[in-house]
Amino acid sequence: MSFKFPKKEKLKSQKLIEQLFSEGKSVTAFPLRMVYLKITSNDDIQFKTGVSVSKRSFKNAVDRNRIKRLLREAYRLNKSTYFNNISGSYALMILYISKDGTDFDSVETKMKLLLDAFSKKVSQN
């Protein structure tokens, strides 16, 4: 798996996002929460991933966008480490659930914990 995060891997489908939140399971490593759902994918993409930050917690779009950039970058750098041994296709949504700002180092350490918890939970099933 490469360190890229191409457009094909981004979660864009509104129908799939609604299904993800209604039927999906979640894993938490505060301040991050991941909602995931096993899907049947037409293309060979293993993971479709989206990130979200609450408008209620961060009123300014500048702050929300910065945190989303940090989340995407931490995901991009660490996905190959944790997702190589997982079979099947999944839809993932990573949510930032804290009300406080953050820096890249703390986001990356929490992202590693979150991805580790996800891979353990998926490998159990």
C-alpha atoms as a PDB file:
ATOM      1  CA  MET A   1       0.000   0.000   0.000  1.00  0.00           C
ATOM      2  CA  SER A   2       1.350   3.421  -0.891  1.00  0.00           C
ATOM      3  CA  PHE A   3       1.359   6.660   1.048  1.00  0.00           C
ATOM      4  CA  LYS A   4      -1.090   8.273  -1.373  1.00  0.00           C
ATOM      5  CA  PHE A   5      -4.673   9.288  -0.660  1.00  0.00           C
ATOM      6  CA  PRO A   6      -6.228   9.469  -4.154  1.00  0.00           C
ATOM      7  CA  LYS A   7      -9.721  10.589  -5.018  1.00  0.00           C
ATOM      8  CA  LYS A   8     -10.905   6.972  -5.441  1.00  0.00           C
ATOM      9  CA  GLU A   9     -10.224   6.327  -1.738  1.00  0.00           C
ATOM     10  CA  LYS A  10     -12.266   9.304  -0.552  1.00  0.00           C
ATOM     11  CA  LEU A  11     -15.728   8.709   0.844  1.00  0.00           C
ATOM     12  CA  LYS A  12     -18.069  10.909  -1.206  1.00  0.00           C
ATOM     13  CA  SER A  13     -21.321   8.966  -1.630  1.00  0.00           C
ATOM     14  CA  GLN A  14     -24.130  10.472   0.446  1.00  0.00           C
ATOM     15  CA  LYS A  15     -26.002   7.169   0.376  1.00  0.00           C
ATOM     16  CA  LEU A  16     -22.968   5.293   1.676  1.00  0.00           C
ATOM     17  CA  ILE A  17     -22.348   7.900   4.402  1.00  0.00           C
ATOM     18  CA  GLU A  18     -25.952   7.588   5.624  1.00  0.00           C
ATOM     19  CA  GLN A  19     -25.660   3.805   5.626  1.00  0.00           C
ATOM     20  CA  LEU A  20     -22.348   4.064   7.475  1.00  0.00           C
ATOM     21  CA  PHE A  21     -23.840   6.099  10.329  1.00  0.00           C
ATOM     22  CA  SER A  22     -27.018   4.018  10.585  1.00  0.00           C
ATOM     23  CA  GLU A  23     -25.463   0.520  10.427  1.00  0.00           C
ATOM     24  CA  GLY A  24     -21.768   1.061  11.202  1.00  0.00           C
ATOM     25  CA  LYS A  25     -19.735   0.161  14.263  1.00  0.00           C
ATOM     26  CA  SER A  26     -17.280   2.481  15.960  1.00  0.00           C
ATOM     27  CA  VAL A  27     -13.878   2.579  17.627  1.00  0.00           C
ATOM     28  CA  THR A  28     -12.646   5.462  19.774  1.00  0.00           C
ATOM     29  CA  ALA A  29      -9.251   6.809  20.776  1.00  0.00           C
ATOM     30  CA  PHE A  30     -10.108  10.209  22.230  1.00  0.00           C
ATOM     31  CA  PRO A  31     -10.220  12.767  20.581  1.00  0.00           C
ATOM     32  CA  LEU A  32     -10.779  10.596  17.485  1.00  0.00           C
ATOM     33  CA  ARG A  33     -13.665   8.291  16.680  1.00  0.00           C
ATOM     34  CA  MET A  34     -13.911   6.014  13.663  1.00  0.00           C
ATOM     35  CA  VAL A  35     -17.187   4.682  12.325  1.00  0.00           C
ATOM     36  CA  TYR A  36     -16.690   1.745   9.953  1.00  0.00           C
ATOM     37  CA  LEU A  37     -18.829  -0.550   7.829  1.00  0.00           C
ATOM     38  CA  LYS A  38     -17.918  -3.515   5.648  1.00  0.00           C
ATOM     39  CA  ILE A  39     -19.007  -2.828   2.074  1.00  0.00           C
ATOM     40  CA  THR A  40     -18.997  -4.581  -1.279  1.00  0.00           C
ATOM     41  CA  SER A  41     -16.825  -2.525  -3.578  1.00  0.00           C
ATOM     42  CA  ASN A  42     -17.097  -2.603  -7.367  1.00  0.00           C
ATOM     43  CA  ASP A  43     -13.562  -1.320  -7.882  1.00  0.00           C
ATOM     44  CA  ASP A  44     -10.435  -2.675  -6.223  1.00  0.00           C
ATOM     45  CA  ILE A  45     -10.341   0.042  -3.557  1.00  0.00           C
ATOM     46  CA  GLN A  46     -10.038  -1.492  -0.106  1.00  0.00           C
ATOM     47  CA  PHE A  47     -10.962   1.574   1.991  1.00  0.00           C
ATOM     48  CA  LYS A  48     -13.150   4.592   1.360  1.00  0.00           C
ATOM     49  CA  THR A  49     -12.359   7.176   3.994  1.00  0.00           C
ATOM     50  CA  GLY A  50     -13.781  10.536   5.033  1.00  0.00           C
ATOM     51  CA  VAL A  51     -12.946  12.959   7.831  1.00  0.00           C
ATOM     52  CA  SER A  52     -15.250  15.267   9.730  1.00  0.00           C
ATOM     53  CA  VAL A  53     -15.007  17.981  12.373  1.00  0.00           C
ATOM     54  CA  SER A  54     -18.070  19.325  14.160  1.00  0.00           C
ATOM     55  CA  LYS A  55     -19.215  22.829  13.309  1.00  0.00           C
ATOM     56  CA  ARG A  56     -20.685  23.059  16.789  1.00  0.00           C
ATOM     57  CA  SER A  57     -17.256  22.587  18.383  1.00  0.00           C
ATOM     58  CA  PHE A  58     -15.279  24.748  15.939  1.00  0.00           C
ATOM     59  CA  LYS A  59     -17.223  27.765  14.700  1.00  0.00           C
ATOM     60  CA  ASN A  60     -14.496  29.082  12.397  1.00  0.00           C
ATOM     61  CA  ALA A  61     -14.046  27.226   9.119  1.00  0.00           C
ATOM     62  CA  VAL A  62     -10.315  27.911   9.272  1.00  0.00           C
ATOM     63  CA  ASP A  63     -10.010  25.845  12.461  1.00  0.00           C
ATOM     64  CA  ARG A  64     -12.186  23.007  11.118  1.00  0.00           C
ATOM     65  CA  ASN A  65     -10.248  22.823   7.854  1.00  0.00           C
ATOM     66  CA  ARG A  66      -6.895  22.774   9.655  1.00  0.00           C
ATOM     67  CA  ILE A  67      -7.951  19.851  11.839  1.00  0.00           C
ATOM     68  CA  LYS A  68      -9.317  18.004   8.798  1.00  0.00           C
ATOM     69  CA  ARG A  69      -5.991  18.495   7.016  1.00  0.00           C
ATOM     70  CA  LEU A  70      -4.153  17.116  10.046  1.00  0.00           C
ATOM     71  CA  LEU A  71      -6.498  14.103  10.195  1.00  0.00           C
ATOM     72  CA  ARG A  72      -6.087  13.321   6.496  1.00  0.00           C
ATOM     73  CA  GLU A  73      -2.307  13.619   6.705  1.00  0.00           C
ATOM     74  CA  ALA A  74      -2.041  11.393   9.783  1.00  0.00           C
ATOM     75  CA  TYR A  75      -4.307   8.824   8.080  1.00  0.00           C
ATOM     76  CA  ARG A  76      -2.320   8.959   4.834  1.00  0.00           C
ATOM     77  CA  LEU A  77       1.011   8.404   6.581  1.00  0.00           C
ATOM     78  CA  ASN A  78      -0.162   5.515   8.775  1.00  0.00           C
ATOM     79  CA  LYS A  79      -2.701   3.577   6.694  1.00  0.00           C
ATOM     80  CA  SER A  80      -0.144   1.344   4.990  1.00  0.00           C
ATOM     81  CA  THR A  81       1.227   0.195   8.346  1.00  0.00           C
ATOM     82  CA  TYR A  82      -2.114  -1.010   9.716  1.00  0.00           C
ATOM     83  CA  PHE A  83      -4.152  -2.000   6.644  1.00  0.00           C
ATOM     84  CA  ASN A  84      -1.840  -4.433   4.821  1.00  0.00           C
ATOM     85  CA  ASN A  85      -3.241  -7.567   6.492  1.00  0.00           C
ATOM     86  CA  ILE A  86      -6.959  -6.659   6.358  1.00  0.00           C
ATOM     87  CA  SER A  87      -9.112  -8.342   3.734  1.00  0.00           C
ATOM     88  CA  GLY A  88     -12.390  -6.954   2.462  1.00  0.00           C
ATOM     89  CA  SER A  89     -13.583  -3.441   1.685  1.00  0.00           C
ATOM     90  CA  TYR A  90     -14.573  -0.930   4.333  1.00  0.00           C
ATOM     91  CA  ALA A  91     -16.100   2.528   4.482  1.00  0.00           C
ATOM     92  CA  LEU A  92     -14.516   4.637   7.216  1.00  0.00           C
ATOM     93  CA  MET A  93     -15.402   8.012   8.705  1.00  0.00           C
ATOM     94  CA  ILE A  94     -12.933   9.584  11.105  1.00  0.00           C
ATOM     95  CA  LEU A  95     -14.469  12.153  13.440  1.00  0.00           C
ATOM     96  CA  TYR A  96     -12.708  14.660  15.668  1.00  0.00           C
ATOM     97  CA  ILE A  97     -14.824  14.772  18.841  1.00  0.00           C
ATOM     98  CA  SER A  98     -12.882  17.122  21.127  1.00  0.00           C
ATOM     99  CA  LYS A  99     -13.718  20.782  21.640  1.00  0.00           C
ATOM    100  CA  ASP A 100     -10.037  21.792  21.919  1.00  0.00           C
ATOM    101  CA  GLY A 101      -7.570  22.505  19.142  1.00  0.00           C
ATOM    102  CA  THR A 102      -4.622  20.239  18.488  1.00  0.00           C
ATOM    103  CA  ASP A 103      -1.257  19.812  16.819  1.00  0.00           C
ATOM    104  CA  PHE A 104       0.011  17.217  14.358  1.00  0.00           C
ATOM    105  CA  ASP A 105       2.032  15.155  16.836  1.00  0.00           C
ATOM    106  CA  SER A 106      -0.931  14.453  19.107  1.00  0.00           C
ATOM    107  CA  VAL A 107      -3.232  13.748  16.143  1.00  0.00           C
ATOM    108  CA  GLU A 108      -0.732  11.293  14.687  1.00  0.00           C
ATOM    109  CA  THR A 109      -0.265   9.368  17.955  1.00  0.00           C
ATOM    110  CA  LYS A 110      -4.028   9.128  18.453  1.00  0.00           C
ATOM    111  CA  MET A 111      -4.494   8.114  14.800  1.00  0.00           C
ATOM    112  CA  LYS A 112      -2.033   5.249  15.323  1.00  0.00           C
ATOM    113  CA  LEU A 113      -3.991   4.107  18.382  1.00  0.00           C
ATOM    114  CA  LEU A 114      -7.269   4.388  16.462  1.00  0.00           C
ATOM    115  CA  LEU A 115      -6.024   2.443  13.434  1.00  0.00           C
ATOM    116  CA  ASP A 116      -4.525  -0.203  15.700  1.00  0.00           C
ATOM    117  CA  ALA A 117      -7.831  -0.614  17.564  1.00  0.00           C
ATOM    118  CA  PHE A 118      -9.692  -0.813  14.235  1.00  0.00           C
ATOM    119  CA  SER A 119      -7.382  -3.467  12.798  1.00  0.00           C
ATOM    120  CA  LYS A 120      -7.655  -5.549  15.976  1.00  0.00           C
ATOM    121  CA  LYS A 121     -11.454  -5.316  15.983  1.00  0.00           C
ATOM    122  CA  VAL A 122     -11.726  -6.223  12.302  1.00  0.00           C
ATOM    123  CA  SER A 123      -9.330  -9.158  12.585  1.00  0.00           C
ATOM    124  CA  GLN A 124     -11.419 -10.599  15.449  1.00  0.00           C
ATOM    125  CA  ASN A 125     -14.526 -10.840  13.260  1.00  0.00           C
END
